Amino acid sequence: MSPALQRTPAATEAMYLMMQWAFEAGYRRYEWKCNAANIPSRRAAQRLGMNYEGVFRQAAIVKGRNCDTAWFAAIDSEWPALKEAVKAWLASSNFDVNGRQNERLSDLTRLVRPNSDPLL
């Protein structure tokens, strides 16, 4: 995502809509994979309620160097609780007049993701 969109309600809503589509279409898993060295991406995955599933070592070669891939996922049985958490965060009542959040998304999704990334 563009830096201008990152960490915004619009970015969260976009991810929410993609997850909603996937689960309503019958998919059982929604995965998030990123370069293991990309800490902001790993934080975003957890903030959105994805469970940490581990690191695939030497999963790819990028620019001539080994690249590890961190995996996160939400599964269909987690979706109802995750959906409610994200909807609650996106609600206009969660933001003050200056657009600052009252409650953090990571606090709302914490109970849905029992497997936290040990690096974060």
N, C-alpha and C. Protein backbone atom coordinates (compact mmCIF):
# COMPACT_ATOMS: atom_id res chain seq x y z
N MET A 1 0.83 -1.18 0.00
CA MET A 1 0.00 0.00 0.00
C MET A 1 0.88 1.25 0.00
N SER A 2 0.34 2.27 -0.56
CA SER A 2 1.01 3.56 -0.59
C SER A 2 1.25 4.05 0.84
N PRO A 3 2.38 4.70 1.11
CA PRO A 3 2.61 5.24 2.44
C PRO A 3 1.49 6.18 2.90
N ALA A 4 0.85 6.88 1.97
CA ALA A 4 -0.24 7.78 2.34
C ALA A 4 -1.47 7.03 2.85
N LEU A 5 -1.61 5.77 2.45
CA LEU A 5 -2.75 4.96 2.86
C LEU A 5 -2.46 4.11 4.10
N GLN A 6 -1.20 3.79 4.32
CA GLN A 6 -0.84 2.92 5.44
C GLN A 6 -1.30 3.50 6.77
N ARG A 7 -1.77 2.60 7.64
CA ARG A 7 -2.19 2.93 9.00
C ARG A 7 -3.33 3.96 9.03
N THR A 8 -4.23 3.86 8.06
CA THR A 8 -5.40 4.74 8.02
C THR A 8 -6.66 3.90 8.13
N PRO A 9 -7.76 4.50 8.54
CA PRO A 9 -9.02 3.76 8.53
C PRO A 9 -9.36 3.20 7.14
N ALA A 10 -9.02 3.91 6.09
CA ALA A 10 -9.30 3.43 4.73
C ALA A 10 -8.53 2.14 4.43
N ALA A 11 -7.28 2.07 4.86
CA ALA A 11 -6.50 0.85 4.65
C ALA A 11 -7.09 -0.31 5.43
N THR A 12 -7.50 -0.04 6.66
CA THR A 12 -8.11 -1.09 7.48
C THR A 12 -9.41 -1.56 6.84
N GLU A 13 -10.20 -0.61 6.36
CA GLU A 13 -11.46 -0.99 5.74
C GLU A 13 -11.23 -1.80 4.47
N ALA A 14 -10.21 -1.45 3.69
CA ALA A 14 -9.89 -2.21 2.48
C ALA A 14 -9.54 -3.65 2.83
N MET A 15 -8.72 -3.85 3.85
CA MET A 15 -8.36 -5.21 4.26
C MET A 15 -9.58 -5.94 4.80
N TYR A 16 -10.41 -5.25 5.57
CA TYR A 16 -11.64 -5.84 6.10
C TYR A 16 -12.54 -6.32 4.95
N LEU A 17 -12.71 -5.49 3.93
CA LEU A 17 -13.56 -5.86 2.80
C LEU A 17 -13.01 -7.05 2.04
N MET A 18 -11.68 -7.14 1.91
CA MET A 18 -11.09 -8.30 1.24
C MET A 18 -11.30 -9.57 2.06
N MET A 19 -11.11 -9.47 3.37
CA MET A 19 -11.34 -10.63 4.23
C MET A 19 -12.81 -11.04 4.19
N GLN A 20 -13.69 -10.06 4.26
CA GLN A 20 -15.13 -10.35 4.23
C GLN A 20 -15.49 -11.08 2.93
N TRP A 21 -14.99 -10.58 1.82
CA TRP A 21 -15.28 -11.24 0.55
C TRP A 21 -14.79 -12.68 0.57
N ALA A 22 -13.56 -12.89 1.02
CA ALA A 22 -12.98 -14.23 1.01
C ALA A 22 -13.79 -15.20 1.86
N PHE A 23 -14.12 -14.80 3.08
CA PHE A 23 -14.85 -15.71 3.96
C PHE A 23 -16.29 -15.92 3.49
N GLU A 24 -16.93 -14.89 2.98
CA GLU A 24 -18.29 -15.05 2.47
C GLU A 24 -18.33 -15.86 1.18
N ALA A 25 -17.21 -15.91 0.46
CA ALA A 25 -17.13 -16.73 -0.76
C ALA A 25 -16.81 -18.19 -0.43
N GLY A 26 -16.60 -18.48 0.85
CA GLY A 26 -16.37 -19.87 1.26
C GLY A 26 -14.93 -20.26 1.51
N TYR A 27 -14.02 -19.30 1.38
CA TYR A 27 -12.62 -19.63 1.67
C TYR A 27 -12.45 -19.88 3.16
N ARG A 28 -11.55 -20.79 3.49
CA ARG A 28 -11.35 -21.18 4.88
C ARG A 28 -10.22 -20.42 5.55
N ARG A 29 -9.32 -19.84 4.75
CA ARG A 29 -8.14 -19.13 5.27
C ARG A 29 -7.95 -17.82 4.53
N TYR A 30 -7.45 -16.83 5.25
CA TYR A 30 -7.03 -15.57 4.65
C TYR A 30 -5.60 -15.38 5.13
N GLU A 31 -4.65 -15.39 4.21
CA GLU A 31 -3.24 -15.36 4.57
C GLU A 31 -2.61 -14.01 4.31
N TRP A 32 -1.61 -13.72 5.12
CA TRP A 32 -0.79 -12.51 4.97
C TRP A 32 0.65 -13.00 5.02
N LYS A 33 1.38 -12.79 3.96
CA LYS A 33 2.78 -13.17 3.91
C LYS A 33 3.60 -11.92 3.62
N CYS A 34 4.71 -11.79 4.31
CA CYS A 34 5.56 -10.63 4.08
C CYS A 34 7.02 -11.00 4.34
N ASN A 35 7.90 -10.16 3.86
CA ASN A 35 9.31 -10.32 4.15
C ASN A 35 9.46 -10.29 5.67
N ALA A 36 10.13 -11.28 6.23
CA ALA A 36 10.26 -11.37 7.68
C ALA A 36 10.98 -10.16 8.28
N ALA A 37 11.76 -9.47 7.48
CA ALA A 37 12.47 -8.28 7.97
C ALA A 37 11.58 -7.03 7.96
N ASN A 38 10.39 -7.13 7.39
CA ASN A 38 9.48 -5.99 7.29
C ASN A 38 8.61 -5.91 8.55
N ILE A 39 9.15 -5.30 9.57
CA ILE A 39 8.46 -5.20 10.87
C ILE A 39 7.14 -4.43 10.76
N PRO A 40 7.05 -3.32 10.02
CA PRO A 40 5.74 -2.65 9.91
C PRO A 40 4.66 -3.55 9.32
N SER A 41 5.01 -4.38 8.35
CA SER A 41 4.03 -5.29 7.76
C SER A 41 3.62 -6.37 8.76
N ARG A 42 4.56 -6.85 9.52
CA ARG A 42 4.25 -7.85 10.54
C ARG A 42 3.31 -7.26 11.60
N ARG A 43 3.57 -6.01 11.98
CA ARG A 43 2.70 -5.34 12.95
C ARG A 43 1.29 -5.17 12.39
N ALA A 44 1.20 -4.80 11.12
CA ALA A 44 -0.10 -4.60 10.48
C ALA A 44 -0.90 -5.91 10.47
N ALA A 45 -0.24 -7.00 10.17
CA ALA A 45 -0.93 -8.29 10.15
C ALA A 45 -1.54 -8.61 11.52
N GLN A 46 -0.77 -8.39 12.55
CA GLN A 46 -1.28 -8.67 13.90
C GLN A 46 -2.36 -7.68 14.30
N ARG A 47 -2.18 -6.43 13.95
CA ARG A 47 -3.18 -5.42 14.27
C ARG A 47 -4.53 -5.78 13.66
N LEU A 48 -4.50 -6.36 12.46
CA LEU A 48 -5.72 -6.76 11.77
C LEU A 48 -6.30 -8.08 12.28
N GLY A 49 -5.62 -8.70 13.24
CA GLY A 49 -6.15 -9.91 13.85
C GLY A 49 -5.60 -11.21 13.29
N MET A 50 -4.57 -11.13 12.47
CA MET A 50 -3.98 -12.34 11.91
C MET A 50 -3.14 -13.06 12.96
N ASN A 51 -3.22 -14.36 12.97
CA ASN A 51 -2.40 -15.17 13.87
C ASN A 51 -1.04 -15.43 13.23
N TYR A 52 -0.01 -15.34 14.03
CA TYR A 52 1.35 -15.62 13.58
C TYR A 52 1.49 -17.12 13.39
N GLU A 53 1.97 -17.54 12.22
CA GLU A 53 2.14 -18.96 11.94
C GLU A 53 3.59 -19.38 11.76
N GLY A 54 4.50 -18.43 11.76
CA GLY A 54 5.90 -18.78 11.67
C GLY A 54 6.62 -18.12 10.52
N VAL A 55 7.89 -18.48 10.40
CA VAL A 55 8.75 -17.93 9.35
C VAL A 55 9.25 -19.08 8.49
N PHE A 56 9.08 -18.93 7.20
CA PHE A 56 9.66 -19.89 6.25
C PHE A 56 11.04 -19.35 5.90
N ARG A 57 12.05 -20.04 6.37
CA ARG A 57 13.42 -19.60 6.14
C ARG A 57 13.82 -19.83 4.70
N GLN A 58 14.56 -18.88 4.16
CA GLN A 58 15.06 -18.93 2.79
C GLN A 58 13.93 -19.28 1.81
N ALA A 59 12.80 -18.62 1.97
CA ALA A 59 11.64 -18.89 1.13
C ALA A 59 11.81 -18.37 -0.30
N ALA A 60 12.66 -17.38 -0.46
CA ALA A 60 12.86 -16.78 -1.78
C ALA A 60 14.24 -16.14 -1.84
N ILE A 61 14.64 -15.85 -3.05
CA ILE A 61 15.86 -15.08 -3.27
C ILE A 61 15.42 -13.75 -3.87
N VAL A 62 15.73 -12.66 -3.17
CA VAL A 62 15.35 -11.33 -3.61
C VAL A 62 16.62 -10.50 -3.75
N LYS A 63 16.83 -9.99 -4.95
CA LYS A 63 18.03 -9.19 -5.24
C LYS A 63 19.30 -9.93 -4.85
N GLY A 64 19.32 -11.23 -5.14
CA GLY A 64 20.50 -12.04 -4.91
C GLY A 64 20.73 -12.47 -3.47
N ARG A 65 19.77 -12.18 -2.57
CA ARG A 65 19.93 -12.54 -1.16
C ARG A 65 18.78 -13.41 -0.70
N ASN A 66 19.06 -14.27 0.28
CA ASN A 66 18.00 -15.09 0.86
C ASN A 66 16.99 -14.19 1.55
N CYS A 67 15.73 -14.56 1.42
CA CYS A 67 14.66 -13.79 2.03
C CYS A 67 13.76 -14.75 2.80
N ASP A 68 13.59 -14.48 4.08
CA ASP A 68 12.68 -15.27 4.89
C ASP A 68 11.28 -14.64 4.77
N THR A 69 10.25 -15.48 4.87
CA THR A 69 8.87 -15.00 4.76
C THR A 69 8.12 -15.30 6.04
N ALA A 70 7.53 -14.27 6.64
CA ALA A 70 6.69 -14.44 7.82
C ALA A 70 5.26 -14.69 7.36
N TRP A 71 4.59 -15.66 7.99
CA TRP A 71 3.23 -16.03 7.62
C TRP A 71 2.28 -15.71 8.77
N PHE A 72 1.14 -15.14 8.39
CA PHE A 72 0.04 -14.85 9.31
C PHE A 72 -1.23 -15.31 8.62
N ALA A 73 -2.26 -15.65 9.40
CA ALA A 73 -3.53 -16.04 8.78
C ALA A 73 -4.68 -15.87 9.76
N ALA A 74 -5.85 -15.70 9.18
CA ALA A 74 -7.10 -15.78 9.92
C ALA A 74 -7.87 -16.93 9.28
N ILE A 75 -8.60 -17.69 10.08
CA ILE A 75 -9.38 -18.80 9.54
C ILE A 75 -10.87 -18.54 9.75
N ASP A 76 -11.67 -19.30 9.04
CA ASP A 76 -13.11 -19.04 9.02
C ASP A 76 -13.76 -19.08 10.40
N SER A 77 -13.28 -19.91 11.30
CA SER A 77 -13.88 -19.97 12.63
C SER A 77 -13.56 -18.71 13.46
N GLU A 78 -12.50 -18.00 13.11
CA GLU A 78 -12.14 -16.76 13.79
C GLU A 78 -12.85 -15.54 13.19
N TRP A 79 -13.34 -15.69 11.97
CA TRP A 79 -13.88 -14.55 11.25
C TRP A 79 -15.03 -13.84 11.97
N PRO A 80 -16.03 -14.53 12.54
CA PRO A 80 -17.12 -13.78 13.18
C PRO A 80 -16.62 -12.80 14.26
N ALA A 81 -15.72 -13.23 15.12
CA ALA A 81 -15.20 -12.35 16.18
C ALA A 81 -14.31 -11.27 15.58
N LEU A 82 -13.50 -11.64 14.62
CA LEU A 82 -12.62 -10.67 13.97
C LEU A 82 -13.43 -9.62 13.23
N LYS A 83 -14.48 -10.04 12.55
CA LYS A 83 -15.36 -9.13 11.83
C LYS A 83 -15.96 -8.09 12.78
N GLU A 84 -16.44 -8.53 13.93
CA GLU A 84 -17.03 -7.61 14.90
C GLU A 84 -15.99 -6.64 15.46
N ALA A 85 -14.79 -7.13 15.69
CA ALA A 85 -13.72 -6.27 16.21
C ALA A 85 -13.37 -5.17 15.22
N VAL A 86 -13.22 -5.52 13.96
CA VAL A 86 -12.86 -4.52 12.95
C VAL A 86 -14.02 -3.55 12.73
N LYS A 87 -15.24 -4.06 12.70
CA LYS A 87 -16.40 -3.16 12.55
C LYS A 87 -16.48 -2.17 13.70
N ALA A 88 -16.22 -2.64 14.92
CA ALA A 88 -16.24 -1.75 16.08
C ALA A 88 -15.16 -0.68 15.96
N TRP A 89 -13.99 -1.06 15.46
CA TRP A 89 -12.91 -0.09 15.31
C TRP A 89 -13.24 0.93 14.24
N LEU A 90 -13.85 0.48 13.14
CA LEU A 90 -14.17 1.38 12.03
C LEU A 90 -15.35 2.31 12.33
N ALA A 91 -16.13 2.02 13.36
CA ALA A 91 -17.30 2.84 13.67
C ALA A 91 -16.89 4.29 13.94
N SER A 92 -17.70 5.20 13.47
CA SER A 92 -17.39 6.62 13.65
C SER A 92 -17.27 6.98 15.13
N SER A 93 -17.99 6.27 15.99
CA SER A 93 -17.92 6.55 17.43
C SER A 93 -16.56 6.21 18.03
N ASN A 94 -15.73 5.48 17.29
CA ASN A 94 -14.39 5.14 17.78
C ASN A 94 -13.37 6.24 17.49
N PHE A 95 -13.79 7.31 16.82
CA PHE A 95 -12.86 8.38 16.46
C PHE A 95 -13.35 9.70 17.01
N ASP A 96 -12.40 10.51 17.50
CA ASP A 96 -12.78 11.82 18.01
C ASP A 96 -12.92 12.81 16.85
N VAL A 97 -13.20 14.06 17.17
CA VAL A 97 -13.44 15.07 16.13
C VAL A 97 -12.21 15.33 15.27
N ASN A 98 -11.03 14.99 15.78
CA ASN A 98 -9.79 15.17 15.02
C ASN A 98 -9.38 13.90 14.27
N GLY A 99 -10.23 12.87 14.33
CA GLY A 99 -9.95 11.63 13.62
C GLY A 99 -9.04 10.67 14.37
N ARG A 100 -8.75 10.95 15.64
CA ARG A 100 -7.90 10.05 16.43
C ARG A 100 -8.76 8.93 17.02
N GLN A 101 -8.22 7.73 16.97
CA GLN A 101 -8.95 6.57 17.49
C GLN A 101 -9.06 6.62 19.01
N ASN A 102 -10.19 6.16 19.51
CA ASN A 102 -10.40 6.05 20.95
C ASN A 102 -9.87 4.70 21.45
N GLU A 103 -10.09 3.66 20.66
CA GLU A 103 -9.65 2.31 21.02
C GLU A 103 -8.81 1.76 19.89
N ARG A 104 -7.69 1.15 20.24
CA ARG A 104 -6.78 0.61 19.23
C ARG A 104 -7.32 -0.69 18.63
N LEU A 105 -7.13 -0.86 17.33
CA LEU A 105 -7.57 -2.08 16.67
C LEU A 105 -6.87 -3.30 17.26
N SER A 106 -5.60 -3.17 17.57
CA SER A 106 -4.86 -4.32 18.12
C SER A 106 -5.44 -4.77 19.46
N ASP A 107 -6.00 -3.83 20.23
CA ASP A 107 -6.64 -4.21 21.49
C ASP A 107 -7.94 -4.98 21.23
N LEU A 108 -8.66 -4.60 20.19
CA LEU A 108 -9.91 -5.27 19.85
C LEU A 108 -9.70 -6.65 19.25
N THR A 109 -8.60 -6.84 18.53
CA THR A 109 -8.35 -8.12 17.87
C THR A 109 -7.48 -9.07 18.70
N ARG A 110 -6.94 -8.59 19.80
CA ARG A 110 -6.01 -9.40 20.60
C ARG A 110 -6.58 -10.76 21.00
N LEU A 111 -7.85 -10.81 21.39
CA LEU A 111 -8.46 -12.07 21.82
C LEU A 111 -8.69 -13.04 20.68
N VAL A 112 -8.73 -12.54 19.46
CA VAL A 112 -8.97 -13.39 18.30
C VAL A 112 -7.68 -14.08 17.85
N ARG A 113 -6.55 -13.50 18.20
CA ARG A 113 -5.26 -14.04 17.72
C ARG A 113 -4.42 -14.56 18.89
N PRO A 114 -4.58 -15.81 19.22
CA PRO A 114 -3.81 -16.36 20.35
C PRO A 114 -2.31 -16.51 20.04
N ASN A 115 -1.94 -16.53 18.78
CA ASN A 115 -0.53 -16.72 18.41
C ASN A 115 0.08 -15.39 17.98
N SER A 116 0.78 -14.75 18.89
CA SER A 116 1.39 -13.46 18.60
C SER A 116 2.80 -13.65 18.06
N ASP A 117 3.21 -12.72 17.24
CA ASP A 117 4.55 -12.72 16.66
C ASP A 117 5.55 -12.46 17.79
N PRO A 118 6.49 -13.36 18.03
CA PRO A 118 7.44 -13.18 19.13
C PRO A 118 8.40 -12.01 18.94
N LEU A 119 8.55 -11.52 17.72
CA LEU A 119 9.45 -10.38 17.48
C LEU A 119 8.81 -9.04 17.82
N LEU A 120 7.50 -9.03 17.99
CA LEU A 120 6.82 -7.74 18.18
C LEU A 120 6.42 -7.51 19.61
